Amino acid sequence: MPRLPWWAARLLVAALPLPLLLSCRSRSAQRPATAAPPWLLERARQEAALAAHSSAFHDFRFTDRPLPADGRQPLHAQWLVWHHDDAARGKAGKAGKKMVLAGRGAAERTTALVLELVAR
């Protein structure tokens, strides 16, 4: 496949994060916790009002709760399996390589689609 012109590569780099940014905007009208002090609830109301009028994409939620650590234990356990078991590590490596190879050429296909849309 021929090499992309510099402007097409930049267009691709600029266009690829767009779906991610568009998906970050929250559509829920979730209310903050009612156990919070009144000043915190007022601050949450002010921030939500400012965010609603902002032209920037955001997913703002005012909270003082700690983040859950749900995923840490299973991930650590899997890393330990891969560290100590050569066969499991090899199998995971082959599966990862297969996935990467299956997606090979995606940048060129995406660039072709973007160029087709730009040409219209």
PDB file of N, CA and C in Angstrom:
ATOM      1  N   MET A   1       0.847  -1.172   0.000  1.00  0.00           N
ATOM      2  CA  MET A   1       0.000   0.000   0.000  1.00  0.00           C
ATOM      3  C   MET A   1       0.895   1.239   0.000  1.00  0.00           C
ATOM      4  N   PRO A   2       0.565   2.248  -0.798  1.00  0.00           N
ATOM      5  CA  PRO A   2       1.423   3.441  -0.862  1.00  0.00           C
ATOM      6  C   PRO A   2       1.409   4.220   0.448  1.00  0.00           C
ATOM      7  N   ARG A   3       2.472   4.925   0.669  1.00  0.00           N
ATOM      8  CA  ARG A   3       2.610   5.749   1.877  1.00  0.00           C
ATOM      9  C   ARG A   3       1.640   6.928   1.803  1.00  0.00           C
ATOM     10  N   LEU A   4       1.080   7.290   2.937  1.00  0.00           N
ATOM     11  CA  LEU A   4       0.116   8.384   3.006  1.00  0.00           C
ATOM     12  C   LEU A   4       0.818   9.735   2.912  1.00  0.00           C
ATOM     13  N   PRO A   5       0.169  10.700   2.280  1.00  0.00           N
ATOM     14  CA  PRO A   5       0.715  12.062   2.335  1.00  0.00           C
ATOM     15  C   PRO A   5       0.677  12.572   3.778  1.00  0.00           C
ATOM     16  N   TRP A   6       1.511  13.532   4.085  1.00  0.00           N
ATOM     17  CA  TRP A   6       1.607  14.034   5.451  1.00  0.00           C
ATOM     18  C   TRP A   6       0.282  14.585   5.955  1.00  0.00           C
ATOM     19  N   TRP A   7      -0.480  15.251   5.089  1.00  0.00           N
ATOM     20  CA  TRP A   7      -1.746  15.852   5.526  1.00  0.00           C
ATOM     21  C   TRP A   7      -2.779  14.773   5.841  1.00  0.00           C
ATOM     22  N   ALA A   8      -2.753  13.658   5.132  1.00  0.00           N
ATOM     23  CA  ALA A   8      -3.699  12.576   5.397  1.00  0.00           C
ATOM     24  C   ALA A   8      -3.379  11.911   6.733  1.00  0.00           C
ATOM     25  N   ALA A   9      -2.104  11.750   7.019  1.00  0.00           N
ATOM     26  CA  ALA A   9      -1.706  11.162   8.294  1.00  0.00           C
ATOM     27  C   ALA A   9      -2.132  12.054   9.454  1.00  0.00           C
ATOM     28  N   ARG A  10      -1.956  13.347   9.302  1.00  0.00           N
ATOM     29  CA  ARG A  10      -2.370  14.277  10.365  1.00  0.00           C
ATOM     30  C   ARG A  10      -3.880  14.284  10.527  1.00  0.00           C
ATOM     31  N   LEU A  11      -4.605  14.214   9.413  1.00  0.00           N
ATOM     32  CA  LEU A  11      -6.065  14.166   9.471  1.00  0.00           C
ATOM     33  C   LEU A  11      -6.509  12.908  10.195  1.00  0.00           C
ATOM     34  N   LEU A  12      -5.864  11.806   9.912  1.00  0.00           N
ATOM     35  CA  LEU A  12      -6.195  10.551  10.562  1.00  0.00           C
ATOM     36  C   LEU A  12      -5.921  10.629  12.063  1.00  0.00           C
ATOM     37  N   VAL A  13      -4.781  11.173  12.432  1.00  0.00           N
ATOM     38  CA  VAL A  13      -4.432  11.295  13.850  1.00  0.00           C
ATOM     39  C   VAL A  13      -5.425  12.214  14.556  1.00  0.00           C
ATOM     40  N   ALA A  14      -5.882  13.244  13.872  1.00  0.00           N
ATOM     41  CA  ALA A  14      -6.841  14.162  14.484  1.00  0.00           C
ATOM     42  C   ALA A  14      -8.237  13.551  14.544  1.00  0.00           C
ATOM     43  N   ALA A  15      -8.607  12.728  13.589  1.00  0.00           N
ATOM     44  CA  ALA A  15      -9.972  12.198  13.506  1.00  0.00           C
ATOM     45  C   ALA A  15     -10.178  10.958  14.376  1.00  0.00           C
ATOM     46  N   LEU A  16      -9.150  10.162  14.618  1.00  0.00           N
ATOM     47  CA  LEU A  16      -9.322   8.920  15.362  1.00  0.00           C
ATOM     48  C   LEU A  16      -9.827   9.119  16.794  1.00  0.00           C
ATOM     49  N   PRO A  17      -9.360  10.113  17.559  1.00  0.00           N
ATOM     50  CA  PRO A  17      -9.862  10.253  18.930  1.00  0.00           C
ATOM     51  C   PRO A  17     -11.276  10.835  19.005  1.00  0.00           C
ATOM     52  N   LEU A  18     -11.812  11.323  17.897  1.00  0.00           N
ATOM     53  CA  LEU A  18     -13.118  11.977  17.929  1.00  0.00           C
ATOM     54  C   LEU A  18     -14.222  11.076  18.469  1.00  0.00           C
ATOM     55  N   PRO A  19     -14.367   9.824  18.019  1.00  0.00           N
ATOM     56  CA  PRO A  19     -15.424   8.986  18.596  1.00  0.00           C
ATOM     57  C   PRO A  19     -15.258   8.776  20.098  1.00  0.00           C
ATOM     58  N   LEU A  20     -14.020   8.666  20.561  1.00  0.00           N
ATOM     59  CA  LEU A  20     -13.779   8.510  21.985  1.00  0.00           C
ATOM     60  C   LEU A  20     -14.244   9.739  22.753  1.00  0.00           C
ATOM     61  N   LEU A  21     -13.925  10.913  22.250  1.00  0.00           N
ATOM     62  CA  LEU A  21     -14.342  12.139  22.914  1.00  0.00           C
ATOM     63  C   LEU A  21     -15.856  12.280  22.918  1.00  0.00           C
ATOM     64  N   LEU A  22     -16.493  11.913  21.822  1.00  0.00           N
ATOM     65  CA  LEU A  22     -17.947  12.017  21.750  1.00  0.00           C
ATOM     66  C   LEU A  22     -18.627  11.045  22.701  1.00  0.00           C
ATOM     67  N   SER A  23     -18.010   9.914  22.960  1.00  0.00           N
ATOM     68  CA  SER A  23     -18.622   8.926  23.838  1.00  0.00           C
ATOM     69  C   SER A  23     -18.439   9.254  25.316  1.00  0.00           C
ATOM     70  N   CYS A  24     -17.610  10.231  25.644  1.00  0.00           N
ATOM     71  CA  CYS A  24     -17.335  10.553  27.042  1.00  0.00           C
ATOM     72  C   CYS A  24     -18.410  11.416  27.692  1.00  0.00           C
ATOM     73  N   ARG A  25     -19.249  12.042  26.907  1.00  0.00           N
ATOM     74  CA  ARG A  25     -20.240  12.948  27.462  1.00  0.00           C
ATOM     75  C   ARG A  25     -21.342  12.153  28.155  1.00  0.00           C
ATOM     76  N   SER A  26     -21.629  12.502  29.379  1.00  0.00           N
ATOM     77  CA  SER A  26     -22.632  11.806  30.161  1.00  0.00           C
ATOM     78  C   SER A  26     -24.014  12.311  29.801  1.00  0.00           C
ATOM     79  N   ARG A  27     -24.958  11.393  29.626  1.00  0.00           N
ATOM     80  CA  ARG A  27     -26.338  11.752  29.320  1.00  0.00           C
ATOM     81  C   ARG A  27     -27.231  11.603  30.551  1.00  0.00           C
ATOM     82  N   SER A  28     -26.680  11.101  31.636  1.00  0.00           N
ATOM     83  CA  SER A  28     -27.504  10.859  32.817  1.00  0.00           C
ATOM     84  C   SER A  28     -27.631  12.124  33.653  1.00  0.00           C
ATOM     85  N   ALA A  29     -28.768  12.202  34.305  1.00  0.00           N
ATOM     86  CA  ALA A  29     -29.016  13.330  35.211  1.00  0.00           C
ATOM     87  C   ALA A  29     -28.893  12.840  36.642  1.00  0.00           C
ATOM     88  N   GLN A  30     -27.888  12.034  36.904  1.00  0.00           N
ATOM     89  CA  GLN A  30     -27.703  11.431  38.209  1.00  0.00           C
ATOM     90  C   GLN A  30     -27.435  12.511  39.244  1.00  0.00           C
ATOM     91  N   ARG A  31     -28.154  12.420  40.343  1.00  0.00           N
ATOM     92  CA  ARG A  31     -28.008  13.405  41.408  1.00  0.00           C
ATOM     93  C   ARG A  31     -26.882  12.993  42.348  1.00  0.00           C
ATOM     94  N   PRO A  32     -26.222  13.958  42.963  1.00  0.00           N
ATOM     95  CA  PRO A  32     -25.177  13.617  43.933  1.00  0.00           C
ATOM     96  C   PRO A  32     -25.786  13.001  45.197  1.00  0.00           C
ATOM     97  N   ALA A  33     -24.936  12.410  46.003  1.00  0.00           N
ATOM     98  CA  ALA A  33     -25.405  11.793  47.248  1.00  0.00           C
ATOM     99  C   ALA A  33     -26.041  12.836  48.157  1.00  0.00           C
ATOM    100  N   THR A  34     -27.167  12.480  48.785  1.00  0.00           N
ATOM    101  CA  THR A  34     -27.861  13.432  49.651  1.00  0.00           C
ATOM    102  C   THR A  34     -27.235  13.499  51.041  1.00  0.00           C
ATOM    103  N   ALA A  35     -26.296  12.601  51.355  1.00  0.00           N
ATOM    104  CA  ALA A  35     -25.643  12.621  52.655  1.00  0.00           C
ATOM    105  C   ALA A  35     -24.504  13.638  52.704  1.00  0.00           C
ATOM    106  N   ALA A  36     -24.267  14.312  51.602  1.00  0.00           N
ATOM    107  CA  ALA A  36     -23.182  15.293  51.546  1.00  0.00           C
ATOM    108  C   ALA A  36     -23.602  16.575  52.271  1.00  0.00           C
ATOM    109  N   PRO A  37     -22.628  17.362  52.742  1.00  0.00           N
ATOM    110  CA  PRO A  37     -22.957  18.641  53.383  1.00  0.00           C
ATOM    111  C   PRO A  37     -23.580  19.601  52.367  1.00  0.00           C
ATOM    112  N   PRO A  38     -24.388  20.546  52.840  1.00  0.00           N
ATOM    113  CA  PRO A  38     -25.083  21.466  51.928  1.00  0.00           C
ATOM    114  C   PRO A  38     -24.151  22.233  50.999  1.00  0.00           C
ATOM    115  N   TRP A  39     -22.983  22.649  51.489  1.00  0.00           N
ATOM    116  CA  TRP A  39     -22.065  23.404  50.622  1.00  0.00           C
ATOM    117  C   TRP A  39     -21.562  22.552  49.472  1.00  0.00           C
ATOM    118  N   LEU A  40     -21.396  21.238  49.717  1.00  0.00           N
ATOM    119  CA  LEU A  40     -20.934  20.340  48.676  1.00  0.00           C
ATOM    120  C   LEU A  40     -22.030  20.120  47.626  1.00  0.00           C
ATOM    121  N   LEU A  41     -23.278  19.987  48.090  1.00  0.00           N
ATOM    122  CA  LEU A  41     -24.397  19.845  47.160  1.00  0.00           C
ATOM    123  C   LEU A  41     -24.558  21.101  46.306  1.00  0.00           C
ATOM    124  N   GLU A  42     -24.364  22.268  46.902  1.00  0.00           N
ATOM    125  CA  GLU A  42     -24.463  23.518  46.141  1.00  0.00           C
ATOM    126  C   GLU A  42     -23.346  23.611  45.107  1.00  0.00           C
ATOM    127  N   ARG A  43     -22.152  23.211  45.513  1.00  0.00           N
ATOM    128  CA  ARG A  43     -21.030  23.214  44.570  1.00  0.00           C
ATOM    129  C   ARG A  43     -21.292  22.244  43.404  1.00  0.00           C
ATOM    130  N   ALA A  44     -21.874  21.089  43.709  1.00  0.00           N
ATOM    131  CA  ALA A  44     -22.210  20.129  42.655  1.00  0.00           C
ATOM    132  C   ALA A  44     -23.242  20.735  41.706  1.00  0.00           C
ATOM    133  N   ARG A  45     -24.226  21.434  42.241  1.00  0.00           N
ATOM    134  CA  ARG A  45     -25.242  22.073  41.399  1.00  0.00           C
ATOM    135  C   ARG A  45     -24.609  23.116  40.490  1.00  0.00           C
ATOM    136  N   GLN A  46     -23.707  23.933  41.051  1.00  0.00           N
ATOM    137  CA  GLN A  46     -23.030  24.958  40.259  1.00  0.00           C
ATOM    138  C   GLN A  46     -22.189  24.339  39.144  1.00  0.00           C
ATOM    139  N   GLU A  47     -21.441  23.297  39.480  1.00  0.00           N
ATOM    140  CA  GLU A  47     -20.594  22.637  38.478  1.00  0.00           C
ATOM    141  C   GLU A  47     -21.432  22.001  37.376  1.00  0.00           C
ATOM    142  N   ALA A  48     -22.558  21.385  37.756  1.00  0.00           N
ATOM    143  CA  ALA A  48     -23.428  20.768  36.753  1.00  0.00           C
ATOM    144  C   ALA A  48     -24.019  21.839  35.830  1.00  0.00           C
ATOM    145  N   ALA A  49     -24.374  22.995  36.382  1.00  0.00           N
ATOM    146  CA  ALA A  49     -24.913  24.081  35.557  1.00  0.00           C
ATOM    147  C   ALA A  49     -23.850  24.607  34.597  1.00  0.00           C
ATOM    148  N   LEU A  50     -22.630  24.783  35.090  1.00  0.00           N
ATOM    149  CA  LEU A  50     -21.539  25.229  34.222  1.00  0.00           C
ATOM    150  C   LEU A  50     -21.243  24.203  33.138  1.00  0.00           C
ATOM    151  N   ALA A  51     -21.225  22.938  33.500  1.00  0.00           N
ATOM    152  CA  ALA A  51     -20.925  21.878  32.539  1.00  0.00           C
ATOM    153  C   ALA A  51     -22.008  21.788  31.468  1.00  0.00           C
ATOM    154  N   ALA A  52     -23.261  22.023  31.849  1.00  0.00           N
ATOM    155  CA  ALA A  52     -24.359  21.951  30.882  1.00  0.00           C
ATOM    156  C   ALA A  52     -24.241  23.030  29.812  1.00  0.00           C
ATOM    157  N   HIS A  53     -23.647  24.170  30.132  1.00  0.00           N
ATOM    158  CA  HIS A  53     -23.506  25.267  29.174  1.00  0.00           C
ATOM    159  C   HIS A  53     -22.156  25.289  28.484  1.00  0.00           C
ATOM    160  N   SER A  54     -21.302  24.333  28.814  1.00  0.00           N
ATOM    161  CA  SER A  54     -19.957  24.286  28.235  1.00  0.00           C
ATOM    162  C   SER A  54     -19.992  23.683  26.838  1.00  0.00           C
ATOM    163  N   SER A  55     -19.169  24.214  25.950  1.00  0.00           N
ATOM    164  CA  SER A  55     -19.083  23.648  24.608  1.00  0.00           C
ATOM    165  C   SER A  55     -18.058  22.506  24.555  1.00  0.00           C
ATOM    166  N   ALA A  56     -17.320  22.317  25.625  1.00  0.00           N
ATOM    167  CA  ALA A  56     -16.331  21.230  25.681  1.00  0.00           C
ATOM    168  C   ALA A  56     -17.021  19.916  26.022  1.00  0.00           C
ATOM    169  N   PHE A  57     -16.458  18.822  25.543  1.00  0.00           N
ATOM    170  CA  PHE A  57     -16.985  17.510  25.883  1.00  0.00           C
ATOM    171  C   PHE A  57     -16.474  17.134  27.260  1.00  0.00           C
ATOM    172  N   HIS A  58     -17.348  16.600  28.089  1.00  0.00           N
ATOM    173  CA  HIS A  58     -16.963  16.260  29.453  1.00  0.00           C
ATOM    174  C   HIS A  58     -17.846  15.151  29.980  1.00  0.00           C
ATOM    175  N   ASP A  59     -17.408  14.564  31.052  1.00  0.00           N
ATOM    176  CA  ASP A  59     -18.192  13.570  31.777  1.00  0.00           C
ATOM    177  C   ASP A  59     -17.993  13.852  33.258  1.00  0.00           C
ATOM    178  N   PHE A  60     -18.420  15.034  33.674  1.00  0.00           N
ATOM    179  CA  PHE A  60     -18.156  15.506  35.027  1.00  0.00           C
ATOM    180  C   PHE A  60     -19.189  14.954  36.002  1.00  0.00           C
ATOM    181  N   ARG A  61     -18.725  14.351  37.083  1.00  0.00           N
ATOM    182  CA  ARG A  61     -19.582  13.952  38.187  1.00  0.00           C
ATOM    183  C   ARG A  61     -18.874  14.353  39.472  1.00  0.00           C
ATOM    184  N   PHE A  62     -19.547  15.108  40.305  1.00  0.00           N
ATOM    185  CA  PHE A  62     -18.964  15.601  41.541  1.00  0.00           C
ATOM    186  C   PHE A  62     -19.143  14.529  42.609  1.00  0.00           C
ATOM    187  N   THR A  63     -18.057  13.954  43.064  1.00  0.00           N
ATOM    188  CA  THR A  63     -18.147  12.889  44.053  1.00  0.00           C
ATOM    189  C   THR A  63     -16.918  12.909  44.948  1.00  0.00           C
ATOM    190  N   ASP A  64     -17.108  12.445  46.156  1.00  0.00           N
ATOM    191  CA  ASP A  64     -15.966  12.326  47.065  1.00  0.00           C
ATOM    192  C   ASP A  64     -15.776  10.879  47.504  1.00  0.00           C
ATOM    193  N   ARG A  65     -16.381   9.934  46.761  1.00  0.00           N
ATOM    194  CA  ARG A  65     -16.227   8.517  47.079  1.00  0.00           C
ATOM    195  C   ARG A  65     -14.920   7.993  46.489  1.00  0.00           C
ATOM    196  N   PRO A  66     -14.282   7.043  47.179  1.00  0.00           N
ATOM    197  CA  PRO A  66     -13.059   6.456  46.611  1.00  0.00           C
ATOM    198  C   PRO A  66     -13.404   5.569  45.420  1.00  0.00           C
ATOM    199  N   LEU A  67     -12.460   5.421  44.528  1.00  0.00           N
ATOM    200  CA  LEU A  67     -12.665   4.556  43.379  1.00  0.00           C
ATOM    201  C   LEU A  67     -12.629   3.094  43.822  1.00  0.00           C
ATOM    202  N   PRO A  68     -13.473   2.250  43.224  1.00  0.00           N
ATOM    203  CA  PRO A  68     -13.454   0.843  43.611  1.00  0.00           C
ATOM    204  C   PRO A  68     -12.186   0.157  43.112  1.00  0.00           C
ATOM    205  N   ALA A  69     -11.761  -0.858  43.828  1.00  0.00           N
ATOM    206  CA  ALA A  69     -10.556  -1.595  43.459  1.00  0.00           C
ATOM    207  C   ALA A  69     -10.927  -2.989  42.967  1.00  0.00           C
ATOM    208  N   ASP A  70     -12.106  -3.132  42.369  1.00  0.00           N
ATOM    209  CA  ASP A  70     -12.630  -4.449  41.990  1.00  0.00           C
ATOM    210  C   ASP A  70     -11.696  -5.234  41.070  1.00  0.00           C
ATOM    211  N   GLY A  71     -11.061  -4.584  40.107  1.00  0.00           N
ATOM    212  CA  GLY A  71     -10.305  -5.306  39.109  1.00  0.00           C
ATOM    213  C   GLY A  71      -8.888  -5.673  39.490  1.00  0.00           C
ATOM    214  N   ARG A  72      -8.416  -5.199  40.610  1.00  0.00           N
ATOM    215  CA  ARG A  72      -7.006  -5.413  40.931  1.00  0.00           C
ATOM    216  C   ARG A  72      -6.668  -6.855  41.271  1.00  0.00           C
ATOM    217  N   GLN A  73      -7.460  -7.519  42.101  1.00  0.00           N
ATOM    218  CA  GLN A  73      -7.131  -8.878  42.536  1.00  0.00           C
ATOM    219  C   GLN A  73      -7.119  -9.877  41.379  1.00  0.00           C
ATOM    220  N   PRO A  74      -8.176  -9.907  40.520  1.00  0.00           N
ATOM    221  CA  PRO A  74      -8.132 -10.866  39.404  1.00  0.00           C
ATOM    222  C   PRO A  74      -6.976 -10.598  38.444  1.00  0.00           C
ATOM    223  N   LEU A  75      -6.677  -9.334  38.186  1.00  0.00           N
ATOM    224  CA  LEU A  75      -5.588  -9.000  37.280  1.00  0.00           C
ATOM    225  C   LEU A  75      -4.250  -9.446  37.857  1.00  0.00           C
ATOM    226  N   HIS A  76      -4.037  -9.197  39.134  1.00  0.00           N
ATOM    227  CA  HIS A  76      -2.799  -9.607  39.785  1.00  0.00           C
ATOM    228  C   HIS A  76      -2.667 -11.124  39.768  1.00  0.00           C
ATOM    229  N   ALA A  77      -3.775 -11.822  40.004  1.00  0.00           N
ATOM    230  CA  ALA A  77      -3.744 -13.289  39.989  1.00  0.00           C
ATOM    231  C   ALA A  77      -3.364 -13.803  38.598  1.00  0.00           C
ATOM    232  N   GLN A  78      -3.912 -13.174  37.552  1.00  0.00           N
ATOM    233  CA  GLN A  78      -3.585 -13.604  36.195  1.00  0.00           C
ATOM    234  C   GLN A  78      -2.121 -13.334  35.874  1.00  0.00           C
ATOM    235  N   TRP A  79      -1.604 -12.198  36.313  1.00  0.00           N
ATOM    236  CA  TRP A  79      -0.182 -11.909  36.091  1.00  0.00           C
ATOM    237  C   TRP A  79       0.704 -12.954  36.758  1.00  0.00           C
ATOM    238  N   LEU A  80       0.315 -13.362  37.967  1.00  0.00           N
ATOM    239  CA  LEU A  80       1.094 -14.387  38.659  1.00  0.00           C
ATOM    240  C   LEU A  80       1.073 -15.710  37.894  1.00  0.00           C
ATOM    241  N   VAL A  81      -0.093 -16.071  37.343  1.00  0.00           N
ATOM    242  CA  VAL A  81      -0.180 -17.295  36.543  1.00  0.00           C
ATOM    243  C   VAL A  81       0.783 -17.203  35.366  1.00  0.00           C
ATOM    244  N   TRP A  82       0.739 -16.085  34.634  1.00  0.00           N
ATOM    245  CA  TRP A  82       1.615 -15.928  33.468  1.00  0.00           C
ATOM    246  C   TRP A  82       3.084 -15.920  33.866  1.00  0.00           C
ATOM    247  N   HIS A  83       3.389 -15.358  35.022  1.00  0.00           N
ATOM    248  CA  HIS A  83       4.777 -15.269  35.486  1.00  0.00           C
ATOM    249  C   HIS A  83       5.348 -16.652  35.790  1.00  0.00           C
ATOM    250  N   HIS A  84       4.536 -17.526  36.377  1.00  0.00           N
ATOM    251  CA  HIS A  84       5.034 -18.818  36.834  1.00  0.00           C
ATOM    252  C   HIS A  84       4.764 -19.976  35.868  1.00  0.00           C
ATOM    253  N   ASP A  85       3.845 -19.816  34.929  1.00  0.00           N
ATOM    254  CA  ASP A  85       3.455 -20.920  34.047  1.00  0.00           C
ATOM    255  C   ASP A  85       3.833 -20.583  32.604  1.00  0.00           C
ATOM    256  N   ASP A  86       4.903 -21.237  32.125  1.00  0.00           N
ATOM    257  CA  ASP A  86       5.382 -20.977  30.763  1.00  0.00           C
ATOM    258  C   ASP A  86       4.325 -21.298  29.709  1.00  0.00           C
ATOM    259  N   ALA A  87       3.604 -22.387  29.886  1.00  0.00           N
ATOM    260  CA  ALA A  87       2.598 -22.797  28.897  1.00  0.00           C
ATOM    261  C   ALA A  87       1.463 -21.773  28.822  1.00  0.00           C
ATOM    262  N   ALA A  88       0.988 -21.317  29.982  1.00  0.00           N
ATOM    263  CA  ALA A  88      -0.100 -20.322  30.005  1.00  0.00           C
ATOM    264  C   ALA A  88       0.374 -19.007  29.390  1.00  0.00           C
ATOM    265  N   ARG A  89       1.617 -18.640  29.697  1.00  0.00           N
ATOM    266  CA  ARG A  89       2.176 -17.402  29.136  1.00  0.00           C
ATOM    267  C   ARG A  89       2.296 -17.516  27.626  1.00  0.00           C
ATOM    268  N   GLY A  90       2.761 -18.665  27.137  1.00  0.00           N
ATOM    269  CA  GLY A  90       2.877 -18.878  25.694  1.00  0.00           C
ATOM    270  C   GLY A  90       1.525 -18.851  25.007  1.00  0.00           C
ATOM    271  N   LYS A  91       0.524 -19.492  25.625  1.00  0.00           N
ATOM    272  CA  LYS A  91      -0.822 -19.512  25.051  1.00  0.00           C
ATOM    273  C   LYS A  91      -1.401 -18.104  24.978  1.00  0.00           C
ATOM    274  N   ALA A  92      -1.230 -17.317  26.041  1.00  0.00           N
ATOM    275  CA  ALA A  92      -1.724 -15.937  26.051  1.00  0.00           C
ATOM    276  C   ALA A  92      -0.989 -15.101  25.009  1.00  0.00           C
ATOM    277  N   GLY A  93       0.316 -15.321  24.870  1.00  0.00           N
ATOM    278  CA  GLY A  93       1.090 -14.589  23.868  1.00  0.00           C
ATOM    279  C   GLY A  93       0.624 -14.895  22.456  1.00  0.00           C
ATOM    280  N   LYS A  94       0.347 -16.180  22.180  1.00  0.00           N
ATOM    281  CA  LYS A  94      -0.142 -16.563  20.851  1.00  0.00           C
ATOM    282  C   LYS A  94      -1.515 -15.957  20.578  1.00  0.00           C
ATOM    283  N   ALA A  95      -2.381 -15.955  21.582  1.00  0.00           N
ATOM    284  CA  ALA A  95      -3.711 -15.364  21.407  1.00  0.00           C
ATOM    285  C   ALA A  95      -3.604 -13.861  21.150  1.00  0.00           C
ATOM    286  N   GLY A  96      -2.703 -13.198  21.872  1.00  0.00           N
ATOM    287  CA  GLY A  96      -2.503 -11.764  21.656  1.00  0.00           C
ATOM    288  C   GLY A  96      -1.955 -11.475  20.277  1.00  0.00           C
ATOM    289  N   LYS A  97      -0.986 -12.287  19.840  1.00  0.00           N
ATOM    290  CA  LYS A  97      -0.411 -12.092  18.505  1.00  0.00           C
ATOM    291  C   LYS A  97      -1.462 -12.312  17.425  1.00  0.00           C
ATOM    292  N   LYS A  98      -2.311 -13.314  17.613  1.00  0.00           N
ATOM    293  CA  LYS A  98      -3.378 -13.588  16.647  1.00  0.00           C
ATOM    294  C   LYS A  98      -4.329 -12.396  16.548  1.00  0.00           C
ATOM    295  N   MET A  99      -4.665 -11.803  17.696  1.00  0.00           N
ATOM    296  CA  MET A  99      -5.562 -10.649  17.707  1.00  0.00           C
ATOM    297  C   MET A  99      -4.920  -9.449  17.008  1.00  0.00           C
ATOM    298  N   VAL A 100      -3.645  -9.227  17.276  1.00  0.00           N
ATOM    299  CA  VAL A 100      -2.942  -8.102  16.647  1.00  0.00           C
ATOM    300  C   VAL A 100      -2.873  -8.297  15.137  1.00  0.00           C
ATOM    301  N   LEU A 101      -2.548  -9.501  14.707  1.00  0.00           N
ATOM    302  CA  LEU A 101      -2.452  -9.769  13.274  1.00  0.00           C
ATOM    303  C   LEU A 101      -3.808  -9.662  12.588  1.00  0.00           C
ATOM    304  N   ALA A 102      -4.878 -10.025  13.289  1.00  0.00           N
ATOM    305  CA  ALA A 102      -6.224  -9.908  12.713  1.00  0.00           C
ATOM    306  C   ALA A 102      -6.596  -8.448  12.470  1.00  0.00           C
ATOM    307  N   GLY A 103      -6.068  -7.541  13.280  1.00  0.00           N
ATOM    308  CA  GLY A 103      -6.375  -6.124  13.126  1.00  0.00           C
ATOM    309  C   GLY A 103      -5.397  -5.390  12.238  1.00  0.00           C
ATOM    310  N   ARG A 104      -4.408  -6.122  11.709  1.00  0.00           N
ATOM    311  CA  ARG A 104      -3.388  -5.510  10.870  1.00  0.00           C
ATOM    312  C   ARG A 104      -4.022  -4.883   9.634  1.00  0.00           C
ATOM    313  N   GLY A 105      -3.604  -3.668   9.306  1.00  0.00           N
ATOM    314  CA  GLY A 105      -4.151  -2.981   8.144  1.00  0.00           C
ATOM    315  C   GLY A 105      -5.320  -2.087   8.498  1.00  0.00           C
ATOM    316  N   ALA A 106      -5.715  -2.065   9.765  1.00  0.00           N
ATOM    317  CA  ALA A 106      -6.864  -1.252  10.162  1.00  0.00           C
ATOM    318  C   ALA A 106      -6.595   0.233   9.934  1.00  0.00           C
ATOM    319  N   ALA A 107      -5.361   0.679  10.149  1.00  0.00           N
ATOM    320  CA  ALA A 107      -5.050   2.100   9.947  1.00  0.00           C
ATOM    321  C   ALA A 107      -5.223   2.476   8.483  1.00  0.00           C
ATOM    322  N   GLU A 108      -4.779   1.600   7.599  1.00  0.00           N
ATOM    323  CA  GLU A 108      -4.932   1.889   6.171  1.00  0.00           C
ATOM    324  C   GLU A 108      -6.397   1.901   5.774  1.00  0.00           C
ATOM    325  N   ARG A 109      -7.191   0.947   6.302  1.00  0.00           N
ATOM    326  CA  ARG A 109      -8.622   0.917   5.979  1.00  0.00           C
ATOM    327  C   ARG A 109      -9.321   2.153   6.523  1.00  0.00           C
ATOM    328  N   THR A 110      -8.980   2.549   7.738  1.00  0.00           N
ATOM    329  CA  THR A 110      -9.588   3.741   8.331  1.00  0.00           C
ATOM    330  C   THR A 110      -9.200   4.986   7.549  1.00  0.00           C
ATOM    331  N   THR A 111      -7.940   5.074   7.148  1.00  0.00           N
ATOM    332  CA  THR A 111      -7.485   6.220   6.359  1.00  0.00           C
ATOM    333  C   THR A 111      -8.238   6.294   5.039  1.00  0.00           C
ATOM    334  N   ALA A 112      -8.420   5.164   4.383  1.00  0.00           N
ATOM    335  CA  ALA A 112      -9.164   5.141   3.122  1.00  0.00           C
ATOM    336  C   ALA A 112     -10.588   5.634   3.334  1.00  0.00           C
ATOM    337  N   LEU A 113     -11.227   5.225   4.424  1.00  0.00           N
ATOM    338  CA  LEU A 113     -12.584   5.692   4.705  1.00  0.00           C
ATOM    339  C   LEU A 113     -12.612   7.198   4.958  1.00  0.00           C
ATOM    340  N   VAL A 114     -11.646   7.697   5.745  1.00  0.00           N
ATOM    341  CA  VAL A 114     -11.598   9.127   6.043  1.00  0.00           C
ATOM    342  C   VAL A 114     -11.347   9.914   4.758  1.00  0.00           C
ATOM    343  N   LEU A 115     -10.417   9.452   3.923  1.00  0.00           N
ATOM    344  CA  LEU A 115     -10.136  10.151   2.671  1.00  0.00           C
ATOM    345  C   LEU A 115     -11.356  10.161   1.751  1.00  0.00           C
ATOM    346  N   GLU A 116     -12.102   9.065   1.759  1.00  0.00           N
ATOM    347  CA  GLU A 116     -13.313   9.009   0.934  1.00  0.00           C
ATOM    348  C   GLU A 116     -14.349  10.021   1.426  1.00  0.00           C
ATOM    349  N   LEU A 117     -14.471  10.131   2.755  1.00  0.00           N
ATOM    350  CA  LEU A 117     -15.419  11.107   3.318  1.00  0.00           C
ATOM    351  C   LEU A 117     -14.979  12.540   3.058  1.00  0.00           C
ATOM    352  N   VAL A 118     -13.690  12.791   3.132  1.00  0.00           N
ATOM    353  CA  VAL A 118     -13.173  14.142   2.903  1.00  0.00           C
ATOM    354  C   VAL A 118     -13.333  14.544   1.429  1.00  0.00           C
ATOM    355  N   ALA A 119     -13.218  13.567   0.554  1.00  0.00           N
ATOM    356  CA  ALA A 119     -13.309  13.851  -0.888  1.00  0.00           C
ATOM    357  C   ALA A 119     -14.731  14.200  -1.319  1.00  0.00           C
ATOM    358  N   ARG A 120     -15.717  13.853  -0.524  1.00  0.00           N
ATOM    359  CA  ARG A 120     -17.112  14.129  -0.896  1.00  0.00           C
ATOM    360  C   ARG A 120     -17.441  15.594  -0.836  1.00  0.00           C
TER     361      ARG A 120
END
